[in-house]
Amino acid sequence: MKKLLVLAGSALALSAPAGLAATFDEVIAFGDSLNDCCINPAAPFTNGEDSWLVEFTDLIGATYTDSTLYNYAIGGAQSGDSNAIAPGGVPAPDGLQSQIDRFETEAPAISADDLAIIWVGTNDIWPSSYAGDTLFGLEGLDILKPLGQDPGTGDLAAYIAGNIGTAVGDLRDAGFGSALILTPYDIGDSALIDTPGGPAQNTAYSEALVDALELLYTPGIDTFVLDVVEVIRDLQAGSPENGFTELGTAPSCTFGEFICEERSPEDQDSFIYYDFVHLTTATNSEIAAAAAALVSDGAPISPVPLPAGVWLMAVAMAGLGYARRRRTPS
């Protein structure tokens, strides 16, 4: 019965996670173009010189450099082994799992005070609902659909979350004490839509993935999940008072022949989206602030607590066992 008392007490403790005042040393990033700083191409996929990670790490007082030593993310990466674009039908080994393999081969020793960051899933979602086999109908830009065309919402969310969970487990085994997962934004906002389901299908995929990731507890590593769907929607809801007046990818800061960087700084900062799928530095600054607040003062994912009925039964059974022991002659 002593075990039941411990179990019941654990369930109570896990059901009320406390805030965390965390500090970190090194930050190392993985994922797709939303994290990519310097591999494909040799600059962030945004206006401005730095990725969101530079501001984020300044805010939390950690060490990070926009270089391949600290950033393994690659534009187009999916949560599995490969890139979303497979020229000639041959997938490039750029996905999250391949990045983890490269990190394990190349990276220096990691400590429990280091923070791993994963931002991936966008390139699993839009190809899954994209009706064409090549991007924009262009020969040589074959699209890799990880579960085929239009998979079930729950199936795709479980697939992506499972891949991310595998990566988090590998990073824990490599020595990381903490991981931050950023969800894709609402891919229904993206201009990468060529499907009868339209934006609603990609929105459903995005929301289901948020739900799956927020339950992605991994023993032995503190895992934080930033709901980027919510962050972007809050910016959209706060317009125009918050300075954002261009809220979708049509138009984005870069569209047609217009180059975002040729606009005035004030004009650039009014856009949420940099182009058809990426974010402006103004938006990335909001992402950095939200992520910094989460890992500094928020709580990591807890194990799923026992249902109330289970732990109440455990307490009752434990109490009964204690009473019986008290009545038993010595």
C-alpha atoms as a PDB file:
ATOM      1  CA  MET A   1       0.000   0.000   0.000  1.00  0.00           C
ATOM      2  CA  LYS A   2       2.941   2.332   0.498  1.00  0.00           C
ATOM      3  CA  LYS A   3       3.433   2.272  -3.280  1.00  0.00           C
ATOM      4  CA  LEU A   4      -0.150   3.404  -3.788  1.00  0.00           C
ATOM      5  CA  LEU A   5       0.374   6.364  -1.478  1.00  0.00           C
ATOM      6  CA  VAL A   6       3.478   7.370  -3.419  1.00  0.00           C
ATOM      7  CA  LEU A   7       1.612   6.964  -6.707  1.00  0.00           C
ATOM      8  CA  ALA A   8      -1.306   9.064  -5.508  1.00  0.00           C
ATOM      9  CA  GLY A   9       1.011  11.768  -4.211  1.00  0.00           C
ATOM     10  CA  SER A  10       2.867  11.809  -7.527  1.00  0.00           C
ATOM     11  CA  ALA A  11      -0.376  12.218  -9.425  1.00  0.00           C
ATOM     12  CA  LEU A  12      -1.312  15.209  -7.284  1.00  0.00           C
ATOM     13  CA  ALA A  13       2.093  16.792  -7.761  1.00  0.00           C
ATOM     14  CA  LEU A  14       2.126  16.279 -11.511  1.00  0.00           C
ATOM     15  CA  SER A  15      -1.316  17.758 -11.966  1.00  0.00           C
ATOM     16  CA  ALA A  16      -0.137  21.189 -10.762  1.00  0.00           C
ATOM     17  CA  PRO A  17       3.179  22.046 -12.463  1.00  0.00           C
ATOM     18  CA  ALA A  18       5.094  24.912 -10.889  1.00  0.00           C
ATOM     19  CA  GLY A  19       6.714  27.801 -12.732  1.00  0.00           C
ATOM     20  CA  LEU A  20      10.360  27.510 -13.681  1.00  0.00           C
ATOM     21  CA  ALA A  21      13.047  30.173 -13.468  1.00  0.00           C
ATOM     22  CA  ALA A  22      15.510  28.652 -15.921  1.00  0.00           C
ATOM     23  CA  THR A  23      18.938  29.678 -17.161  1.00  0.00           C
ATOM     24  CA  PHE A  24      20.761  28.211 -20.150  1.00  0.00           C
ATOM     25  CA  ASP A  25      24.260  28.092 -21.618  1.00  0.00           C
ATOM     26  CA  GLU A  26      24.449  27.051 -25.278  1.00  0.00           C
ATOM     27  CA  VAL A  27      21.496  27.100 -27.670  1.00  0.00           C
ATOM     28  CA  ILE A  28      21.506  24.759 -30.670  1.00  0.00           C
ATOM     29  CA  ALA A  29      18.749  24.810 -33.287  1.00  0.00           C
ATOM     30  CA  PHE A  30      17.170  22.255 -35.611  1.00  0.00           C
ATOM     31  CA  GLY A  31      14.326  22.366 -38.106  1.00  0.00           C
ATOM     32  CA  ASP A  32      13.304  24.048 -41.336  1.00  0.00           C
ATOM     33  CA  SER A  33      13.604  27.486 -42.918  1.00  0.00           C
ATOM     34  CA  LEU A  34      11.901  29.167 -39.953  1.00  0.00           C
ATOM     35  CA  ASN A  35      15.106  28.346 -38.025  1.00  0.00           C
ATOM     36  CA  ASP A  36      17.613  28.108 -40.900  1.00  0.00           C
ATOM     37  CA  CYS A  37      20.258  30.795 -40.564  1.00  0.00           C
ATOM     38  CA  CYS A  38      23.043  29.953 -42.899  1.00  0.00           C
ATOM     39  CA  ILE A  39      22.838  26.725 -44.868  1.00  0.00           C
ATOM     40  CA  ASN A  40      20.205  27.158 -47.577  1.00  0.00           C
ATOM     41  CA  PRO A  41      20.735  29.987 -48.442  1.00  0.00           C
ATOM     42  CA  ALA A  42      23.545  31.568 -46.414  1.00  0.00           C
ATOM     43  CA  ALA A  43      21.139  33.956 -44.661  1.00  0.00           C
ATOM     44  CA  PRO A  44      17.895  33.766 -42.671  1.00  0.00           C
ATOM     45  CA  PHE A  45      14.609  33.458 -44.575  1.00  0.00           C
ATOM     46  CA  THR A  46      13.415  36.902 -43.518  1.00  0.00           C
ATOM     47  CA  ASN A  47      14.198  40.581 -43.931  1.00  0.00           C
ATOM     48  CA  GLY A  48      17.090  41.679 -41.765  1.00  0.00           C
ATOM     49  CA  GLU A  49      20.434  40.091 -41.025  1.00  0.00           C
ATOM     50  CA  ASP A  50      19.644  37.746 -38.152  1.00  0.00           C
ATOM     51  CA  SER A  51      17.273  34.897 -37.434  1.00  0.00           C
ATOM     52  CA  TRP A  52      14.859  35.164 -34.489  1.00  0.00           C
ATOM     53  CA  LEU A  53      17.272  33.017 -32.491  1.00  0.00           C
ATOM     54  CA  VAL A  54      19.737  35.868 -31.993  1.00  0.00           C
ATOM     55  CA  GLU A  55      17.200  38.067 -30.204  1.00  0.00           C
ATOM     56  CA  PHE A  56      15.809  35.085 -28.306  1.00  0.00           C
ATOM     57  CA  THR A  57      19.178  34.057 -26.897  1.00  0.00           C
ATOM     58  CA  ASP A  58      19.997  37.668 -25.995  1.00  0.00           C
ATOM     59  CA  LEU A  59      16.763  37.771 -23.999  1.00  0.00           C
ATOM     60  CA  ILE A  60      17.555  34.609 -22.032  1.00  0.00           C
ATOM     61  CA  GLY A  61      21.268  35.358 -21.643  1.00  0.00           C
ATOM     62  CA  ALA A  62      22.447  32.259 -23.502  1.00  0.00           C
ATOM     63  CA  THR A  63      25.187  31.727 -26.083  1.00  0.00           C
ATOM     64  CA  TYR A  64      24.308  31.282 -29.758  1.00  0.00           C
ATOM     65  CA  THR A  65      25.831  32.205 -33.098  1.00  0.00           C
ATOM     66  CA  ASP A  66      24.110  32.153 -36.485  1.00  0.00           C
ATOM     67  CA  SER A  67      26.454  29.482 -37.821  1.00  0.00           C
ATOM     68  CA  THR A  68      26.370  25.799 -38.712  1.00  0.00           C
ATOM     69  CA  LEU A  69      28.059  25.020 -35.391  1.00  0.00           C
ATOM     70  CA  TYR A  70      24.933  26.082 -33.519  1.00  0.00           C
ATOM     71  CA  ASN A  71      22.239  25.728 -36.174  1.00  0.00           C
ATOM     72  CA  TYR A  72      21.505  22.501 -38.073  1.00  0.00           C
ATOM     73  CA  ALA A  73      18.201  23.642 -39.594  1.00  0.00           C
ATOM     74  CA  ILE A  74      17.725  23.482 -43.367  1.00  0.00           C
ATOM     75  CA  GLY A  75      15.106  25.188 -45.485  1.00  0.00           C
ATOM     76  CA  GLY A  76      12.479  22.715 -46.669  1.00  0.00           C
ATOM     77  CA  ALA A  77      13.204  20.145 -43.962  1.00  0.00           C
ATOM     78  CA  GLN A  78      10.438  17.790 -42.919  1.00  0.00           C
ATOM     79  CA  SER A  79      10.144  16.110 -39.525  1.00  0.00           C
ATOM     80  CA  GLY A  80      11.404  12.799 -40.940  1.00  0.00           C
ATOM     81  CA  ASP A  81      14.625  12.146 -42.804  1.00  0.00           C
ATOM     82  CA  SER A  82      14.105  14.251 -45.919  1.00  0.00           C
ATOM     83  CA  ASN A  83      13.412  17.600 -47.517  1.00  0.00           C
ATOM     84  CA  ALA A  84       9.959  18.491 -48.847  1.00  0.00           C
ATOM     85  CA  ILE A  85      11.437  19.135 -52.291  1.00  0.00           C
ATOM     86  CA  ALA A  86      12.830  16.038 -53.988  1.00  0.00           C
ATOM     87  CA  PRO A  87      14.449  17.019 -57.316  1.00  0.00           C
ATOM     88  CA  GLY A  88      13.811  14.287 -59.838  1.00  0.00           C
ATOM     89  CA  GLY A  89      11.977  12.328 -57.155  1.00  0.00           C
ATOM     90  CA  VAL A  90      15.132  11.851 -55.075  1.00  0.00           C
ATOM     91  CA  PRO A  91      14.637  13.095 -51.481  1.00  0.00           C
ATOM     92  CA  ALA A  92      17.495  15.102 -49.993  1.00  0.00           C
ATOM     93  CA  PRO A  93      18.613  13.892 -46.526  1.00  0.00           C
ATOM     94  CA  ASP A  94      17.851  17.255 -44.910  1.00  0.00           C
ATOM     95  CA  GLY A  95      15.025  16.341 -42.506  1.00  0.00           C
ATOM     96  CA  LEU A  96      15.028  16.631 -38.738  1.00  0.00           C
ATOM     97  CA  GLN A  97      16.164  13.039 -38.196  1.00  0.00           C
ATOM     98  CA  SER A  98      19.089  13.548 -40.582  1.00  0.00           C
ATOM     99  CA  GLN A  99      19.998  16.763 -38.779  1.00  0.00           C
ATOM    100  CA  ILE A 100      20.089  14.914 -35.473  1.00  0.00           C
ATOM    101  CA  ASP A 101      22.383  12.302 -37.040  1.00  0.00           C
ATOM    102  CA  ARG A 102      24.721  15.027 -38.291  1.00  0.00           C
ATOM    103  CA  PHE A 103      24.663  16.757 -34.908  1.00  0.00           C
ATOM    104  CA  GLU A 104      25.593  13.531 -33.132  1.00  0.00           C
ATOM    105  CA  THR A 105      28.562  13.150 -35.483  1.00  0.00           C
ATOM    106  CA  GLU A 106      29.814  16.734 -35.588  1.00  0.00           C
ATOM    107  CA  ALA A 107      28.739  18.564 -32.435  1.00  0.00           C
ATOM    108  CA  PRO A 108      30.817  19.261 -29.316  1.00  0.00           C
ATOM    109  CA  ALA A 109      29.854  17.845 -25.945  1.00  0.00           C
ATOM    110  CA  ILE A 110      26.502  19.013 -24.585  1.00  0.00           C
ATOM    111  CA  SER A 111      25.554  19.704 -20.968  1.00  0.00           C
ATOM    112  CA  ALA A 112      22.264  19.652 -19.093  1.00  0.00           C
ATOM    113  CA  ASP A 113      22.330  23.478 -19.072  1.00  0.00           C
ATOM    114  CA  ASP A 114      22.120  23.628 -22.876  1.00  0.00           C
ATOM    115  CA  LEU A 115      18.862  24.219 -24.763  1.00  0.00           C
ATOM    116  CA  ALA A 116      17.848  22.484 -28.004  1.00  0.00           C
ATOM    117  CA  ILE A 117      15.319  24.247 -30.220  1.00  0.00           C
ATOM    118  CA  ILE A 118      13.153  22.485 -32.814  1.00  0.00           C
ATOM    119  CA  TRP A 119      10.914  24.322 -35.276  1.00  0.00           C
ATOM    120  CA  VAL A 120       9.599  21.916 -37.894  1.00  0.00           C
ATOM    121  CA  GLY A 121       6.340  20.548 -39.327  1.00  0.00           C
ATOM    122  CA  THR A 122       5.441  23.267 -41.836  1.00  0.00           C
ATOM    123  CA  ASN A 123       6.966  21.234 -44.662  1.00  0.00           C
ATOM    124  CA  ASP A 124       5.045  18.134 -43.605  1.00  0.00           C
ATOM    125  CA  ILE A 125       1.715  19.970 -43.589  1.00  0.00           C
ATOM    126  CA  TRP A 126       1.551  21.919 -46.828  1.00  0.00           C
ATOM    127  CA  PRO A 127       2.836  19.071 -49.073  1.00  0.00           C
ATOM    128  CA  SER A 128       0.233  16.738 -47.548  1.00  0.00           C
ATOM    129  CA  SER A 129      -2.623  18.902 -48.796  1.00  0.00           C
ATOM    130  CA  TYR A 130      -0.947  20.198 -51.976  1.00  0.00           C
ATOM    131  CA  ALA A 131      -2.761  18.645 -54.921  1.00  0.00           C
ATOM    132  CA  GLY A 132       0.125  18.886 -57.382  1.00  0.00           C
ATOM    133  CA  ASP A 133       3.145  16.623 -57.563  1.00  0.00           C
ATOM    134  CA  THR A 134       5.549  19.480 -58.282  1.00  0.00           C
ATOM    135  CA  LEU A 135       5.791  22.887 -56.623  1.00  0.00           C
ATOM    136  CA  PHE A 136       3.967  25.506 -58.707  1.00  0.00           C
ATOM    137  CA  GLY A 137       3.948  22.979 -61.548  1.00  0.00           C
ATOM    138  CA  LEU A 138       7.697  23.409 -62.125  1.00  0.00           C
ATOM    139  CA  GLU A 139       9.596  20.398 -63.431  1.00  0.00           C
ATOM    140  CA  GLY A 140      12.309  19.204 -61.079  1.00  0.00           C
ATOM    141  CA  LEU A 141      10.605  20.533 -57.949  1.00  0.00           C
ATOM    142  CA  ASP A 142       8.930  17.272 -56.969  1.00  0.00           C
ATOM    143  CA  ILE A 143       7.036  17.380 -53.664  1.00  0.00           C
ATOM    144  CA  LEU A 144       7.538  14.723 -50.986  1.00  0.00           C
ATOM    145  CA  LYS A 145       4.248  13.907 -49.255  1.00  0.00           C
ATOM    146  CA  PRO A 146       5.195  12.070 -46.046  1.00  0.00           C
ATOM    147  CA  LEU A 147       1.880  10.172 -45.664  1.00  0.00           C
ATOM    148  CA  GLY A 148       0.544  10.606 -49.183  1.00  0.00           C
ATOM    149  CA  GLN A 149      -2.186  12.943 -50.378  1.00  0.00           C
ATOM    150  CA  ASP A 150      -4.648  14.343 -47.806  1.00  0.00           C
ATOM    151  CA  PRO A 151      -3.942  12.039 -44.840  1.00  0.00           C
ATOM    152  CA  GLY A 152      -6.232  12.084 -41.821  1.00  0.00           C
ATOM    153  CA  THR A 153      -5.757  15.075 -39.545  1.00  0.00           C
ATOM    154  CA  GLY A 154      -4.924  12.949 -36.521  1.00  0.00           C
ATOM    155  CA  ASP A 155      -2.654  10.673 -38.531  1.00  0.00           C
ATOM    156  CA  LEU A 156      -0.511  13.543 -39.795  1.00  0.00           C
ATOM    157  CA  ALA A 157      -0.337  15.205 -36.388  1.00  0.00           C
ATOM    158  CA  ALA A 158       0.701  11.926 -34.755  1.00  0.00           C
ATOM    159  CA  TYR A 159       3.345  11.332 -37.439  1.00  0.00           C
ATOM    160  CA  ILE A 160       4.959  14.754 -37.033  1.00  0.00           C
ATOM    161  CA  ALA A 161       4.741  14.710 -33.238  1.00  0.00           C
ATOM    162  CA  GLY A 162       6.207  11.204 -33.197  1.00  0.00           C
ATOM    163  CA  ASN A 163       9.194  12.328 -35.256  1.00  0.00           C
ATOM    164  CA  ILE A 164       9.741  15.343 -33.023  1.00  0.00           C
ATOM    165  CA  GLY A 165       9.421  13.133 -29.948  1.00  0.00           C
ATOM    166  CA  THR A 166      12.097  10.819 -31.335  1.00  0.00           C
ATOM    167  CA  ALA A 167      14.378  13.801 -31.888  1.00  0.00           C
ATOM    168  CA  VAL A 168      13.805  15.105 -28.359  1.00  0.00           C
ATOM    169  CA  GLY A 169      14.678  11.691 -26.946  1.00  0.00           C
ATOM    170  CA  ASP A 170      17.890  11.609 -28.986  1.00  0.00           C
ATOM    171  CA  LEU A 171      18.805  15.111 -27.815  1.00  0.00           C
ATOM    172  CA  ARG A 172      18.205  14.098 -24.203  1.00  0.00           C
ATOM    173  CA  ASP A 173      20.523  11.136 -24.716  1.00  0.00           C
ATOM    174  CA  ALA A 174      23.119  13.523 -26.170  1.00  0.00           C
ATOM    175  CA  GLY A 175      23.121  15.461 -22.899  1.00  0.00           C
ATOM    176  CA  PHE A 176      20.586  18.280 -23.294  1.00  0.00           C
ATOM    177  CA  GLY A 177      18.568  19.108 -20.209  1.00  0.00           C
ATOM    178  CA  SER A 178      15.933  21.199 -21.995  1.00  0.00           C
ATOM    179  CA  ALA A 179      14.237  21.452 -25.377  1.00  0.00           C
ATOM    180  CA  LEU A 180      11.988  24.123 -26.867  1.00  0.00           C
ATOM    181  CA  ILE A 181       9.565  23.070 -29.617  1.00  0.00           C
ATOM    182  CA  LEU A 182       7.879  25.733 -31.708  1.00  0.00           C
ATOM    183  CA  THR A 183       4.746  24.678 -33.535  1.00  0.00           C
ATOM    184  CA  PRO A 184       4.149  25.716 -37.133  1.00  0.00           C
ATOM    185  CA  TYR A 185       1.933  28.763 -37.459  1.00  0.00           C
ATOM    186  CA  ASP A 186      -1.507  28.284 -39.036  1.00  0.00           C
ATOM    187  CA  ILE A 187      -0.471  26.944 -42.449  1.00  0.00           C
ATOM    188  CA  GLY A 188      -3.933  27.964 -43.642  1.00  0.00           C
ATOM    189  CA  ASP A 189      -2.406  31.458 -43.764  1.00  0.00           C
ATOM    190  CA  SER A 190       0.278  30.276 -46.194  1.00  0.00           C
ATOM    191  CA  ALA A 191       0.099  30.890 -49.918  1.00  0.00           C
ATOM    192  CA  LEU A 192       1.242  27.286 -50.457  1.00  0.00           C
ATOM    193  CA  ILE A 193      -2.294  26.060 -51.069  1.00  0.00           C
ATOM    194  CA  ASP A 194      -3.381  23.942 -54.009  1.00  0.00           C
ATOM    195  CA  THR A 195      -6.051  21.704 -52.579  1.00  0.00           C
ATOM    196  CA  PRO A 196      -9.836  21.308 -52.687  1.00  0.00           C
ATOM    197  CA  GLY A 197      -9.808  21.650 -48.898  1.00  0.00           C
ATOM    198  CA  GLY A 198      -8.331  25.131 -49.179  1.00  0.00           C
ATOM    199  CA  PRO A 199      -6.955  26.951 -46.121  1.00  0.00           C
ATOM    200  CA  ALA A 200      -9.319  25.113 -43.746  1.00  0.00           C
ATOM    201  CA  GLN A 201      -7.561  21.797 -44.312  1.00  0.00           C
ATOM    202  CA  ASN A 202      -4.149  23.234 -43.452  1.00  0.00           C
ATOM    203  CA  THR A 203      -5.638  25.031 -40.462  1.00  0.00           C
ATOM    204  CA  ALA A 204      -7.018  21.726 -39.171  1.00  0.00           C
ATOM    205  CA  TYR A 205      -3.613  20.076 -39.605  1.00  0.00           C
ATOM    206  CA  SER A 206      -1.884  22.957 -37.788  1.00  0.00           C
ATOM    207  CA  GLU A 207      -4.286  22.974 -34.847  1.00  0.00           C
ATOM    208  CA  ALA A 208      -4.143  19.188 -34.453  1.00  0.00           C
ATOM    209  CA  LEU A 209      -0.353  19.312 -34.363  1.00  0.00           C
ATOM    210  CA  VAL A 210      -0.407  21.941 -31.607  1.00  0.00           C
ATOM    211  CA  ASP A 211      -2.635  19.645 -29.546  1.00  0.00           C
ATOM    212  CA  ALA A 212      -0.315  16.677 -30.128  1.00  0.00           C
ATOM    213  CA  LEU A 213       2.881  18.574 -29.322  1.00  0.00           C
ATOM    214  CA  GLU A 214       1.508  20.032 -26.101  1.00  0.00           C
ATOM    215  CA  LEU A 215       1.275  16.462 -24.762  1.00  0.00           C
ATOM    216  CA  LEU A 216       4.749  15.435 -25.932  1.00  0.00           C
ATOM    217  CA  TYR A 217       6.280  14.644 -22.554  1.00  0.00           C
ATOM    218  CA  THR A 218       9.729  13.018 -22.698  1.00  0.00           C
ATOM    219  CA  PRO A 219      11.239  11.692 -19.445  1.00  0.00           C
ATOM    220  CA  GLY A 220      14.606  13.132 -18.507  1.00  0.00           C
ATOM    221  CA  ILE A 221      14.382  16.427 -20.393  1.00  0.00           C
ATOM    222  CA  ASP A 222      12.370  19.586 -19.743  1.00  0.00           C
ATOM    223  CA  THR A 223      10.321  20.164 -22.897  1.00  0.00           C
ATOM    224  CA  PHE A 224       8.609  23.471 -23.631  1.00  0.00           C
ATOM    225  CA  VAL A 225       6.123  23.995 -26.471  1.00  0.00           C
ATOM    226  CA  LEU A 226       5.409  27.450 -27.905  1.00  0.00           C
ATOM    227  CA  ASP A 227       2.031  27.638 -29.656  1.00  0.00           C
ATOM    228  CA  VAL A 228       2.948  29.809 -32.640  1.00  0.00           C
ATOM    229  CA  VAL A 229      -0.589  29.500 -34.026  1.00  0.00           C
ATOM    230  CA  GLU A 230      -1.751  31.431 -30.977  1.00  0.00           C
ATOM    231  CA  VAL A 231       1.108  33.952 -31.128  1.00  0.00           C
ATOM    232  CA  ILE A 232       0.313  34.902 -34.747  1.00  0.00           C
ATOM    233  CA  ARG A 233      -3.429  35.014 -34.136  1.00  0.00           C
ATOM    234  CA  ASP A 234      -2.869  37.351 -31.194  1.00  0.00           C
ATOM    235  CA  LEU A 235      -0.901  39.681 -33.485  1.00  0.00           C
ATOM    236  CA  GLN A 236      -3.682  39.563 -36.043  1.00  0.00           C
ATOM    237  CA  ALA A 237      -6.296  40.254 -33.375  1.00  0.00           C
ATOM    238  CA  GLY A 238      -4.272  43.177 -31.991  1.00  0.00           C
ATOM    239  CA  SER A 239      -4.083  44.981 -35.337  1.00  0.00           C
ATOM    240  CA  PRO A 240      -3.752  47.879 -36.039  1.00  0.00           C
ATOM    241  CA  GLU A 241      -2.925  49.110 -32.537  1.00  0.00           C
ATOM    242  CA  ASN A 242       0.114  46.824 -32.326  1.00  0.00           C
ATOM    243  CA  GLY A 243       1.575  48.175 -35.579  1.00  0.00           C
ATOM    244  CA  PHE A 244       0.777  45.140 -37.717  1.00  0.00           C
ATOM    245  CA  THR A 245      -1.606  46.111 -40.506  1.00  0.00           C
ATOM    246  CA  GLU A 246      -0.740  43.531 -43.212  1.00  0.00           C
ATOM    247  CA  LEU A 247      -1.884  40.298 -41.642  1.00  0.00           C
ATOM    248  CA  GLY A 248      -1.633  37.552 -44.297  1.00  0.00           C
ATOM    249  CA  THR A 249       0.583  36.262 -47.066  1.00  0.00           C
ATOM    250  CA  ALA A 250      -1.493  38.028 -49.721  1.00  0.00           C
ATOM    251  CA  PRO A 251       0.103  40.465 -49.936  1.00  0.00           C
ATOM    252  CA  SER A 252       3.273  39.657 -48.041  1.00  0.00           C
ATOM    253  CA  CYS A 253       6.168  42.053 -47.542  1.00  0.00           C
ATOM    254  CA  THR A 254       7.778  40.527 -50.634  1.00  0.00           C
ATOM    255  CA  PHE A 255       5.353  39.864 -53.466  1.00  0.00           C
ATOM    256  CA  GLY A 256       5.416  40.235 -57.241  1.00  0.00           C
ATOM    257  CA  GLU A 257       8.482  42.266 -58.130  1.00  0.00           C
ATOM    258  CA  PHE A 258       8.545  44.068 -54.794  1.00  0.00           C
ATOM    259  CA  ILE A 259      11.440  43.330 -52.435  1.00  0.00           C
ATOM    260  CA  CYS A 260      10.700  43.633 -48.734  1.00  0.00           C
ATOM    261  CA  GLU A 261      14.101  45.090 -47.927  1.00  0.00           C
ATOM    262  CA  GLU A 262      13.451  47.980 -50.350  1.00  0.00           C
ATOM    263  CA  ARG A 263      10.507  49.176 -48.259  1.00  0.00           C
ATOM    264  CA  SER A 264      10.933  51.647 -45.397  1.00  0.00           C
ATOM    265  CA  PRO A 265      11.603  50.053 -41.994  1.00  0.00           C
ATOM    266  CA  GLU A 266       8.183  51.170 -40.777  1.00  0.00           C
ATOM    267  CA  ASP A 267       6.485  49.581 -43.769  1.00  0.00           C
ATOM    268  CA  GLN A 268       8.387  46.329 -43.345  1.00  0.00           C
ATOM    269  CA  ASP A 269       7.373  46.148 -39.691  1.00  0.00           C
ATOM    270  CA  SER A 270       3.690  46.374 -40.598  1.00  0.00           C
ATOM    271  CA  PHE A 271       3.754  42.933 -42.251  1.00  0.00           C
ATOM    272  CA  ILE A 272       3.396  39.637 -40.416  1.00  0.00           C
ATOM    273  CA  TYR A 273       4.612  37.588 -43.379  1.00  0.00           C
ATOM    274  CA  TYR A 274       7.845  38.161 -45.235  1.00  0.00           C
ATOM    275  CA  ASP A 275       6.815  36.146 -48.287  1.00  0.00           C
ATOM    276  CA  PHE A 276       4.431  33.300 -49.155  1.00  0.00           C
ATOM    277  CA  VAL A 277       5.518  31.156 -46.193  1.00  0.00           C
ATOM    278  CA  HIS A 278       8.057  32.973 -43.972  1.00  0.00           C
ATOM    279  CA  LEU A 279       7.843  35.628 -41.252  1.00  0.00           C
ATOM    280  CA  THR A 280       9.182  39.184 -41.053  1.00  0.00           C
ATOM    281  CA  THR A 281      11.759  40.233 -38.487  1.00  0.00           C
ATOM    282  CA  ALA A 282       8.995  42.177 -36.690  1.00  0.00           C
ATOM    283  CA  THR A 283       7.030  38.948 -36.287  1.00  0.00           C
ATOM    284  CA  ASN A 284      10.131  36.990 -35.366  1.00  0.00           C
ATOM    285  CA  SER A 285      10.781  39.531 -32.621  1.00  0.00           C
ATOM    286  CA  GLU A 286       7.374  38.697 -31.154  1.00  0.00           C
ATOM    287  CA  ILE A 287       8.211  34.992 -31.437  1.00  0.00           C
ATOM    288  CA  ALA A 288      11.515  35.577 -29.636  1.00  0.00           C
ATOM    289  CA  ALA A 289       9.835  37.435 -26.782  1.00  0.00           C
ATOM    290  CA  ALA A 290       7.134  34.792 -26.337  1.00  0.00           C
ATOM    291  CA  ALA A 291       9.684  31.960 -26.434  1.00  0.00           C
ATOM    292  CA  ALA A 292      11.980  33.710 -23.954  1.00  0.00           C
ATOM    293  CA  ALA A 293       9.121  34.235 -21.507  1.00  0.00           C
ATOM    294  CA  LEU A 294       8.112  30.596 -21.834  1.00  0.00           C
ATOM    295  CA  VAL A 295      11.504  29.022 -21.138  1.00  0.00           C
ATOM    296  CA  SER A 296      12.447  31.566 -18.464  1.00  0.00           C
ATOM    297  CA  ASP A 297       9.275  31.619 -16.397  1.00  0.00           C
ATOM    298  CA  GLY A 298       6.936  28.984 -17.792  1.00  0.00           C
ATOM    299  CA  ALA A 299       6.529  25.318 -17.006  1.00  0.00           C
ATOM    300  CA  PRO A 300       7.702  22.405 -19.164  1.00  0.00           C
ATOM    301  CA  ILE A 301       5.335  19.648 -20.217  1.00  0.00           C
ATOM    302  CA  SER A 302       4.381  17.385 -17.332  1.00  0.00           C
ATOM    303  CA  PRO A 303       3.528  13.697 -17.530  1.00  0.00           C
ATOM    304  CA  VAL A 304      -0.174  13.166 -18.107  1.00  0.00           C
ATOM    305  CA  PRO A 305      -1.562  12.936 -14.551  1.00  0.00           C
ATOM    306  CA  LEU A 306      -3.710  10.062 -13.434  1.00  0.00           C
ATOM    307  CA  PRO A 307      -7.437  10.730 -13.865  1.00  0.00           C
ATOM    308  CA  ALA A 308      -9.055  12.042 -10.684  1.00  0.00           C
ATOM    309  CA  GLY A 309     -10.953   8.810 -10.091  1.00  0.00           C
ATOM    310  CA  VAL A 310      -7.775   6.742 -10.266  1.00  0.00           C
ATOM    311  CA  TRP A 311      -5.780   8.669  -7.699  1.00  0.00           C
ATOM    312  CA  LEU A 312      -8.760   9.021  -5.369  1.00  0.00           C
ATOM    313  CA  MET A 313      -9.153   5.247  -5.486  1.00  0.00           C
ATOM    314  CA  ALA A 314      -5.413   4.892  -4.809  1.00  0.00           C
ATOM    315  CA  VAL A 315      -5.682   7.158  -1.776  1.00  0.00           C
ATOM    316  CA  ALA A 316      -8.727   5.250  -0.502  1.00  0.00           C
ATOM    317  CA  MET A 317      -7.077   1.871  -0.992  1.00  0.00           C
ATOM    318  CA  ALA A 318      -3.899   3.056   0.667  1.00  0.00           C
ATOM    319  CA  GLY A 319      -5.868   4.379   3.635  1.00  0.00           C
ATOM    320  CA  LEU A 320      -7.761   1.101   3.907  1.00  0.00           C
ATOM    321  CA  GLY A 321      -4.532  -0.820   3.903  1.00  0.00           C
ATOM    322  CA  TYR A 322      -3.137   1.425   6.629  1.00  0.00           C
ATOM    323  CA  ALA A 323      -6.247   0.899   8.761  1.00  0.00           C
ATOM    324  CA  ARG A 324      -6.002  -2.854   8.322  1.00  0.00           C
ATOM    325  CA  ARG A 325      -2.370  -2.827   9.408  1.00  0.00           C
ATOM    326  CA  ARG A 326      -3.351  -0.827  12.500  1.00  0.00           C
ATOM    327  CA  ARG A 327      -5.980  -3.451  13.393  1.00  0.00           C
ATOM    328  CA  THR A 328      -3.685  -6.400  12.809  1.00  0.00           C
ATOM    329  CA  PRO A 329      -2.162  -7.716  16.062  1.00  0.00           C
ATOM    330  CA  SER A 330       1.594  -7.526  16.177  1.00  0.00           C
END
